Amino acid sequence: MVIDDVGEINAAFDRDFIATVCAGATASFVHEWNDERVYVDAGNGAQEVRNWILLAGVMNDAKARLLAYEPVREWLTGTGIIAFN
């Protein structure tokens, strides 16, 4: 989905990242992805990705399950909801 002036919502990245969080594996994500790569791939949602990583760290990388995900054009980003186990 292309959004004028801000680029695409990268739903594939979002879903892969959410799967990483749900697997309790954000530590591997942090080691494999630098800040620039997150910004390029997550685009408008890059700051939110940083927030999710922080929360996953607080939760000691507990496993979680995806409750909902939707690319939301009006918000210029994908939106996901998870529940930690």
PDB file of N, CA and C in Angstrom:
ATOM      1  N   MET A   1       0.858  -1.164   0.000  1.00  0.00           N
ATOM      2  CA  MET A   1       0.000   0.000   0.000  1.00  0.00           C
ATOM      3  C   MET A   1       0.909   1.234   0.000  1.00  0.00           C
ATOM      4  N   VAL A   2       0.803   2.102  -0.999  1.00  0.00           N
ATOM      5  CA  VAL A   2       1.609   3.311  -1.097  1.00  0.00           C
ATOM      6  C   VAL A   2       0.818   4.487  -0.553  1.00  0.00           C
ATOM      7  N   ILE A   3       1.493   5.284   0.266  1.00  0.00           N
ATOM      8  CA  ILE A   3       0.858   6.453   0.852  1.00  0.00           C
ATOM      9  C   ILE A   3       1.595   7.685   0.366  1.00  0.00           C
ATOM     10  N   ASP A   4       0.871   8.670  -0.142  1.00  0.00           N
ATOM     11  CA  ASP A   4       1.479   9.880  -0.675  1.00  0.00           C
ATOM     12  C   ASP A   4       2.402  10.528   0.343  1.00  0.00           C
ATOM     13  N   ASP A   5       3.589  10.881  -0.117  1.00  0.00           N
ATOM     14  CA  ASP A   5       4.583  11.638   0.646  1.00  0.00           C
ATOM     15  C   ASP A   5       5.249  10.898   1.799  1.00  0.00           C
ATOM     16  N   VAL A   6       4.766   9.755   2.232  1.00  0.00           N
ATOM     17  CA  VAL A   6       5.433   9.058   3.328  1.00  0.00           C
ATOM     18  C   VAL A   6       5.848   7.637   2.954  1.00  0.00           C
ATOM     19  N   GLY A   7       5.548   7.206   1.762  1.00  0.00           N
ATOM     20  CA  GLY A   7       5.970   5.882   1.334  1.00  0.00           C
ATOM     21  C   GLY A   7       4.935   4.816   1.613  1.00  0.00           C
ATOM     22  N   GLU A   8       5.427   3.604   1.674  1.00  0.00           N
ATOM     23  CA  GLU A   8       4.588   2.425   1.814  1.00  0.00           C
ATOM     24  C   GLU A   8       4.443   1.996   3.256  1.00  0.00           C
ATOM     25  N   ILE A   9       3.328   1.394   3.576  1.00  0.00           N
ATOM     26  CA  ILE A   9       3.228   0.618   4.799  1.00  0.00           C
ATOM     27  C   ILE A   9       3.819  -0.736   4.449  1.00  0.00           C
ATOM     28  N   ASN A  10       4.874  -1.111   5.140  1.00  0.00           N
ATOM     29  CA  ASN A  10       5.559  -2.359   4.835  1.00  0.00           C
ATOM     30  C   ASN A  10       4.948  -3.481   5.682  1.00  0.00           C
ATOM     31  N   ALA A  11       3.813  -3.988   5.231  1.00  0.00           N
ATOM     32  CA  ALA A  11       3.076  -5.011   5.978  1.00  0.00           C
ATOM     33  C   ALA A  11       3.897  -6.283   6.143  1.00  0.00           C
ATOM     34  N   ALA A  12       4.731  -6.629   5.162  1.00  0.00           N
ATOM     35  CA  ALA A  12       5.570  -7.827   5.289  1.00  0.00           C
ATOM     36  C   ALA A  12       6.561  -7.655   6.433  1.00  0.00           C
ATOM     37  N   PHE A  13       7.197  -6.490   6.514  1.00  0.00           N
ATOM     38  CA  PHE A  13       8.101  -6.214   7.633  1.00  0.00           C
ATOM     39  C   PHE A  13       7.329  -6.278   8.946  1.00  0.00           C
ATOM     40  N   ASP A  14       6.182  -5.607   8.990  1.00  0.00           N
ATOM     41  CA  ASP A  14       5.384  -5.581  10.216  1.00  0.00           C
ATOM     42  C   ASP A  14       5.061  -6.993  10.697  1.00  0.00           C
ATOM     43  N   ARG A  15       4.604  -7.829   9.778  1.00  0.00           N
ATOM     44  CA  ARG A  15       4.215  -9.193  10.161  1.00  0.00           C
ATOM     45  C   ARG A  15       5.425 -10.008  10.622  1.00  0.00           C
ATOM     46  N   ASP A  16       6.570  -9.848   9.948  1.00  0.00           N
ATOM     47  CA  ASP A  16       7.784 -10.551  10.369  1.00  0.00           C
ATOM     48  C   ASP A  16       8.234 -10.072  11.747  1.00  0.00           C
ATOM     49  N   PHE A  17       8.185  -8.756  11.957  1.00  0.00           N
ATOM     50  CA  PHE A  17       8.585  -8.215  13.245  1.00  0.00           C
ATOM     51  C   PHE A  17       7.652  -8.689  14.358  1.00  0.00           C
ATOM     52  N   ILE A  18       6.352  -8.653  14.115  1.00  0.00           N
ATOM     53  CA  ILE A  18       5.389  -9.128  15.114  1.00  0.00           C
ATOM     54  C   ILE A  18       5.623 -10.609  15.413  1.00  0.00           C
ATOM     55  N   ALA A  19       5.930 -11.400  14.406  1.00  0.00           N
ATOM     56  CA  ALA A  19       6.226 -12.819  14.623  1.00  0.00           C
ATOM     57  C   ALA A  19       7.464 -12.971  15.505  1.00  0.00           C
ATOM     58  N   THR A  20       8.455 -12.112  15.318  1.00  0.00           N
ATOM     59  CA  THR A  20       9.664 -12.134  16.146  1.00  0.00           C
ATOM     60  C   THR A  20       9.319 -11.816  17.597  1.00  0.00           C
ATOM     61  N   VAL A  21       8.492 -10.787  17.801  1.00  0.00           N
ATOM     62  CA  VAL A  21       8.062 -10.431  19.158  1.00  0.00           C
ATOM     63  C   VAL A  21       7.286 -11.587  19.775  1.00  0.00           C
ATOM     64  N   CYS A  22       6.350 -12.155  19.031  1.00  0.00           N
ATOM     65  CA  CYS A  22       5.517 -13.239  19.556  1.00  0.00           C
ATOM     66  C   CYS A  22       6.339 -14.484  19.880  1.00  0.00           C
ATOM     67  N   ALA A  23       7.429 -14.693  19.158  1.00  0.00           N
ATOM     68  CA  ALA A  23       8.305 -15.843  19.423  1.00  0.00           C
ATOM     69  C   ALA A  23       9.220 -15.605  20.620  1.00  0.00           C
ATOM     70  N   GLY A  24       9.214 -14.386  21.155  1.00  0.00           N
ATOM     71  CA  GLY A  24      10.100 -14.063  22.273  1.00  0.00           C
ATOM     72  C   GLY A  24      11.540 -13.945  21.826  1.00  0.00           C
ATOM     73  N   ALA A  25      11.753 -13.418  20.619  1.00  0.00           N
ATOM     74  CA  ALA A  25      13.096 -13.391  20.034  1.00  0.00           C
ATOM     75  C   ALA A  25      13.554 -11.996  19.623  1.00  0.00           C
ATOM     76  N   THR A  26      13.113 -10.956  20.338  1.00  0.00           N
ATOM     77  CA  THR A  26      13.523  -9.612  19.923  1.00  0.00           C
ATOM     78  C   THR A  26      15.011  -9.366  20.129  1.00  0.00           C
ATOM     79  N   ALA A  27      15.652 -10.116  21.018  1.00  0.00           N
ATOM     80  CA  ALA A  27      17.098  -9.945  21.201  1.00  0.00           C
ATOM     81  C   ALA A  27      17.817 -10.211  19.883  1.00  0.00           C
ATOM     82  N   SER A  28      17.392 -11.223  19.131  1.00  0.00           N
ATOM     83  CA  SER A  28      18.022 -11.502  17.838  1.00  0.00           C
ATOM     84  C   SER A  28      17.763 -10.369  16.857  1.00  0.00           C
ATOM     85  N   PHE A  29      16.575  -9.789  16.912  1.00  0.00           N
ATOM     86  CA  PHE A  29      16.239  -8.665  16.040  1.00  0.00           C
ATOM     87  C   PHE A  29      17.161  -7.477  16.327  1.00  0.00           C
ATOM     88  N   VAL A  30      17.364  -7.183  17.598  1.00  0.00           N
ATOM     89  CA  VAL A  30      18.201  -6.049  17.994  1.00  0.00           C
ATOM     90  C   VAL A  30      19.621  -6.234  17.481  1.00  0.00           C
ATOM     91  N   HIS A  31      20.127  -7.461  17.508  1.00  0.00           N
ATOM     92  CA  HIS A  31      21.497  -7.714  17.053  1.00  0.00           C
ATOM     93  C   HIS A  31      21.614  -7.691  15.532  1.00  0.00           C
ATOM     94  N   GLU A  32      20.555  -8.006  14.819  1.00  0.00           N
ATOM     95  CA  GLU A  32      20.599  -8.096  13.360  1.00  0.00           C
ATOM     96  C   GLU A  32      20.193  -6.807  12.657  1.00  0.00           C
ATOM     97  N   TRP A  33      19.472  -5.904  13.328  1.00  0.00           N
ATOM     98  CA  TRP A  33      18.929  -4.716  12.687  1.00  0.00           C
ATOM     99  C   TRP A  33      19.475  -3.459  13.360  1.00  0.00           C
ATOM    100  N   ASN A  34      20.170  -2.627  12.590  1.00  0.00           N
ATOM    101  CA  ASN A  34      20.601  -1.347  13.148  1.00  0.00           C
ATOM    102  C   ASN A  34      19.485  -0.319  12.970  1.00  0.00           C
ATOM    103  N   ASP A  35      19.686   0.842  13.581  1.00  0.00           N
ATOM    104  CA  ASP A  35      18.657   1.874  13.584  1.00  0.00           C
ATOM    105  C   ASP A  35      18.270   2.316  12.167  1.00  0.00           C
ATOM    106  N   GLU A  36      19.254   2.456  11.294  1.00  0.00           N
ATOM    107  CA  GLU A  36      18.975   2.891   9.919  1.00  0.00           C
ATOM    108  C   GLU A  36      18.128   1.865   9.178  1.00  0.00           C
ATOM    109  N   ARG A  37      18.449   0.595   9.350  1.00  0.00           N
ATOM    110  CA  ARG A  37      17.676  -0.450   8.669  1.00  0.00           C
ATOM    111  C   ARG A  37      16.234  -0.478   9.175  1.00  0.00           C
ATOM    112  N   VAL A  38      16.050  -0.288  10.482  1.00  0.00           N
ATOM    113  CA  VAL A  38      14.684  -0.235  11.024  1.00  0.00           C
ATOM    114  C   VAL A  38      13.932   0.927  10.399  1.00  0.00           C
ATOM    115  N   TYR A  39      14.572   2.085  10.313  1.00  0.00           N
ATOM    116  CA  TYR A  39      13.914   3.261   9.749  1.00  0.00           C
ATOM    117  C   TYR A  39      13.529   3.021   8.289  1.00  0.00           C
ATOM    118  N   VAL A  40      14.437   2.439   7.515  1.00  0.00           N
ATOM    119  CA  VAL A  40      14.174   2.201   6.090  1.00  0.00           C
ATOM    120  C   VAL A  40      13.053   1.179   5.917  1.00  0.00           C
ATOM    121  N   ASP A  41      13.107   0.063   6.654  1.00  0.00           N
ATOM    122  CA  ASP A  41      12.132  -1.003   6.453  1.00  0.00           C
ATOM    123  C   ASP A  41      10.809  -0.758   7.171  1.00  0.00           C
ATOM    124  N   ALA A  42      10.866  -0.169   8.361  1.00  0.00           N
ATOM    125  CA  ALA A  42       9.629   0.089   9.102  1.00  0.00           C
ATOM    126  C   ALA A  42       8.997   1.404   8.692  1.00  0.00           C
ATOM    127  N   GLY A  43       9.785   2.294   8.103  1.00  0.00           N
ATOM    128  CA  GLY A  43       9.251   3.560   7.613  1.00  0.00           C
ATOM    129  C   GLY A  43       8.600   4.370   8.713  1.00  0.00           C
ATOM    130  N   ASN A  44       7.383   4.775   8.468  1.00  0.00           N
ATOM    131  CA  ASN A  44       6.656   5.632   9.386  1.00  0.00           C
ATOM    132  C   ASN A  44       6.463   4.989  10.756  1.00  0.00           C
ATOM    133  N   GLY A  45       6.534   3.685  10.836  1.00  0.00           N
ATOM    134  CA  GLY A  45       6.337   2.981  12.100  1.00  0.00           C
ATOM    135  C   GLY A  45       7.621   2.690  12.858  1.00  0.00           C
ATOM    136  N   ALA A  46       8.746   3.261  12.423  1.00  0.00           N
ATOM    137  CA  ALA A  46      10.036   2.942  13.050  1.00  0.00           C
ATOM    138  C   ALA A  46      10.049   3.236  14.542  1.00  0.00           C
ATOM    139  N   GLN A  47       9.498   4.357  14.960  1.00  0.00           N
ATOM    140  CA  GLN A  47       9.498   4.663  16.391  1.00  0.00           C
ATOM    141  C   GLN A  47       8.645   3.670  17.156  1.00  0.00           C
ATOM    142  N   GLU A  48       7.552   3.249  16.576  1.00  0.00           N
ATOM    143  CA  GLU A  48       6.707   2.258  17.237  1.00  0.00           C
ATOM    144  C   GLU A  48       7.439   0.929  17.378  1.00  0.00           C
ATOM    145  N   VAL A  49       8.252   0.559  16.380  1.00  0.00           N
ATOM    146  CA  VAL A  49       9.049  -0.663  16.473  1.00  0.00           C
ATOM    147  C   VAL A  49       9.991  -0.562  17.668  1.00  0.00           C
ATOM    148  N   ARG A  50      10.607   0.591  17.846  1.00  0.00           N
ATOM    149  CA  ARG A  50      11.486   0.789  19.007  1.00  0.00           C
ATOM    150  C   ARG A  50      10.702   0.614  20.313  1.00  0.00           C
ATOM    151  N   ASN A  51       9.475   1.117  20.354  1.00  0.00           N
ATOM    152  CA  ASN A  51       8.642   0.954  21.548  1.00  0.00           C
ATOM    153  C   ASN A  51       8.345  -0.516  21.823  1.00  0.00           C
ATOM    154  N   TRP A  52       8.048  -1.274  20.767  1.00  0.00           N
ATOM    155  CA  TRP A  52       7.757  -2.706  20.932  1.00  0.00           C
ATOM    156  C   TRP A  52       8.993  -3.439  21.449  1.00  0.00           C
ATOM    157  N   ILE A  53      10.170  -3.077  20.946  1.00  0.00           N
ATOM    158  CA  ILE A  53      11.406  -3.720  21.411  1.00  0.00           C
ATOM    159  C   ILE A  53      11.609  -3.427  22.894  1.00  0.00           C
ATOM    160  N   LEU A  54      11.379  -2.185  23.299  1.00  0.00           N
ATOM    161  CA  LEU A  54      11.497  -1.823  24.707  1.00  0.00           C
ATOM    162  C   LEU A  54      10.532  -2.655  25.560  1.00  0.00           C
ATOM    163  N   LEU A  55       9.282  -2.736  25.144  1.00  0.00           N
ATOM    164  CA  LEU A  55       8.295  -3.508  25.893  1.00  0.00           C
ATOM    165  C   LEU A  55       8.678  -4.983  25.956  1.00  0.00           C
ATOM    166  N   ALA A  56       9.146  -5.532  24.846  1.00  0.00           N
ATOM    167  CA  ALA A  56       9.564  -6.941  24.840  1.00  0.00           C
ATOM    168  C   ALA A  56      10.716  -7.157  25.820  1.00  0.00           C
ATOM    169  N   GLY A  57      11.628  -6.192  25.902  1.00  0.00           N
ATOM    170  CA  GLY A  57      12.721  -6.291  26.867  1.00  0.00           C
ATOM    171  C   GLY A  57      12.218  -6.260  28.298  1.00  0.00           C
ATOM    172  N   VAL A  58      11.270  -5.385  28.582  1.00  0.00           N
ATOM    173  CA  VAL A  58      10.672  -5.308  29.922  1.00  0.00           C
ATOM    174  C   VAL A  58       9.988  -6.632  30.265  1.00  0.00           C
ATOM    175  N   MET A  59       9.412  -7.260  29.260  1.00  0.00           N
ATOM    176  CA  MET A  59       8.719  -8.540  29.467  1.00  0.00           C
ATOM    177  C   MET A  59       9.684  -9.731  29.402  1.00  0.00           C
ATOM    178  N   ASN A  60      10.994  -9.450  29.372  1.00  0.00           N
ATOM    179  CA  ASN A  60      12.020 -10.510  29.290  1.00  0.00           C
ATOM    180  C   ASN A  60      11.808 -11.426  28.094  1.00  0.00           C
ATOM    181  N   ASP A  61      11.401 -10.829  26.980  1.00  0.00           N
ATOM    182  CA  ASP A  61      11.169 -11.585  25.745  1.00  0.00           C
ATOM    183  C   ASP A  61      10.198 -12.755  25.942  1.00  0.00           C
ATOM    184  N   ALA A  62       9.173 -12.513  26.751  1.00  0.00           N
ATOM    185  CA  ALA A  62       8.125 -13.532  26.920  1.00  0.00           C
ATOM    186  C   ALA A  62       7.442 -13.774  25.580  1.00  0.00           C
ATOM    187  N   LYS A  63       6.967 -14.967  25.376  1.00  0.00           N
ATOM    188  CA  LYS A  63       6.220 -15.258  24.154  1.00  0.00           C
ATOM    189  C   LYS A  63       4.869 -14.553  24.212  1.00  0.00           C
ATOM    190  N   ALA A  64       4.315 -14.317  23.039  1.00  0.00           N
ATOM    191  CA  ALA A  64       3.043 -13.601  22.935  1.00  0.00           C
ATOM    192  C   ALA A  64       2.242 -14.192  21.784  1.00  0.00           C
ATOM    193  N   ARG A  65       1.023 -13.726  21.654  1.00  0.00           N
ATOM    194  CA  ARG A  65       0.214 -14.152  20.503  1.00  0.00           C
ATOM    195  C   ARG A  65      -0.391 -12.912  19.852  1.00  0.00           C
ATOM    196  N   LEU A  66      -0.488 -12.970  18.558  1.00  0.00           N
ATOM    197  CA  LEU A  66      -1.059 -11.874  17.778  1.00  0.00           C
ATOM    198  C   LEU A  66      -2.578 -11.910  17.901  1.00  0.00           C
ATOM    199  N   LEU A  67      -3.148 -10.783  18.288  1.00  0.00           N
ATOM    200  CA  LEU A  67      -4.603 -10.676  18.360  1.00  0.00           C
ATOM    201  C   LEU A  67      -5.167 -10.025  17.102  1.00  0.00           C
ATOM    202  N   ALA A  68      -4.446  -9.040  16.556  1.00  0.00           N
ATOM    203  CA  ALA A  68      -4.921  -8.355  15.353  1.00  0.00           C
ATOM    204  C   ALA A  68      -3.776  -7.576  14.720  1.00  0.00           C
ATOM    205  N   TYR A  69      -3.811  -7.467  13.412  1.00  0.00           N
ATOM    206  CA  TYR A  69      -2.890  -6.601  12.670  1.00  0.00           C
ATOM    207  C   TYR A  69      -3.635  -6.065  11.455  1.00  0.00           C
ATOM    208  N   GLU A  70      -3.434  -4.804  11.187  1.00  0.00           N
ATOM    209  CA  GLU A  70      -4.042  -4.188  10.002  1.00  0.00           C
ATOM    210  C   GLU A  70      -3.178  -3.014   9.551  1.00  0.00           C
ATOM    211  N   PRO A  71      -2.844  -2.939   8.254  1.00  0.00           N
ATOM    212  CA  PRO A  71      -2.232  -1.713   7.750  1.00  0.00           C
ATOM    213  C   PRO A  71      -3.315  -0.633   7.693  1.00  0.00           C
ATOM    214  N   VAL A  72      -3.123   0.450   8.406  1.00  0.00           N
ATOM    215  CA  VAL A  72      -4.153   1.484   8.521  1.00  0.00           C
ATOM    216  C   VAL A  72      -3.687   2.728   7.769  1.00  0.00           C
ATOM    217  N   ARG A  73      -4.225   2.907   6.585  1.00  0.00           N
ATOM    218  CA  ARG A  73      -3.832   4.011   5.712  1.00  0.00           C
ATOM    219  C   ARG A  73      -3.995   5.367   6.401  1.00  0.00           C
ATOM    220  N   GLU A  74      -5.081   5.546   7.113  1.00  0.00           N
ATOM    221  CA  GLU A  74      -5.353   6.848   7.740  1.00  0.00           C
ATOM    222  C   GLU A  74      -4.329   7.187   8.823  1.00  0.00           C
ATOM    223  N   TRP A  75      -3.702   6.190   9.424  1.00  0.00           N
ATOM    224  CA  TRP A  75      -2.704   6.418  10.470  1.00  0.00           C
ATOM    225  C   TRP A  75      -1.284   6.356   9.911  1.00  0.00           C
ATOM    226  N   LEU A  76      -1.166   6.048   8.613  1.00  0.00           N
ATOM    227  CA  LEU A  76       0.115   5.997   7.908  1.00  0.00           C
ATOM    228  C   LEU A  76       1.048   4.903   8.417  1.00  0.00           C
ATOM    229  N   THR A  77       0.499   3.876   9.033  1.00  0.00           N
ATOM    230  CA  THR A  77       1.325   2.796   9.578  1.00  0.00           C
ATOM    231  C   THR A  77       0.481   1.544   9.779  1.00  0.00           C
ATOM    232  N   GLY A  78       1.143   0.430   9.964  1.00  0.00           N
ATOM    233  CA  GLY A  78       0.452  -0.784  10.353  1.00  0.00           C
ATOM    234  C   GLY A  78       0.219  -0.759  11.852  1.00  0.00           C
ATOM    235  N   THR A  79      -0.850  -1.386  12.299  1.00  0.00           N
ATOM    236  CA  THR A  79      -1.185  -1.400  13.715  1.00  0.00           C
ATOM    237  C   THR A  79      -1.411  -2.831  14.156  1.00  0.00           C
ATOM    238  N   GLY A  80      -0.729  -3.212  15.222  1.00  0.00           N
ATOM    239  CA  GLY A  80      -0.863  -4.568  15.722  1.00  0.00           C
ATOM    240  C   GLY A  80      -1.183  -4.585  17.193  1.00  0.00           C
ATOM    241  N   ILE A  81      -1.849  -5.650  17.612  1.00  0.00           N
ATOM    242  CA  ILE A  81      -2.161  -5.872  19.022  1.00  0.00           C
ATOM    243  C   ILE A  81      -1.727  -7.289  19.356  1.00  0.00           C
ATOM    244  N   ILE A  82      -0.933  -7.421  20.430  1.00  0.00           N
ATOM    245  CA  ILE A  82      -0.519  -8.730  20.888  1.00  0.00           C
ATOM    246  C   ILE A  82      -0.859  -8.873  22.361  1.00  0.00           C
ATOM    247  N   ALA A  83      -0.868 -10.113  22.826  1.00  0.00           N
ATOM    248  CA  ALA A  83      -1.049 -10.396  24.247  1.00  0.00           C
ATOM    249  C   ALA A  83       0.123 -11.271  24.680  1.00  0.00           C
ATOM    250  N   PHE A  84       0.849 -10.817  25.682  1.00  0.00           N
ATOM    251  CA  PHE A  84       1.932 -11.630  26.210  1.00  0.00           C
ATOM    252  C   PHE A  84       1.351 -12.772  27.023  1.00  0.00           C
ATOM    253  N   ASN A  85       1.979 -13.937  26.901  1.00  0.00           N
ATOM    254  CA  ASN A  85       1.511 -15.137  27.610  1.00  0.00           C
ATOM    255  C   ASN A  85       1.883 -15.065  29.072  1.00  0.00           C
TER     256      ASN A  85
END
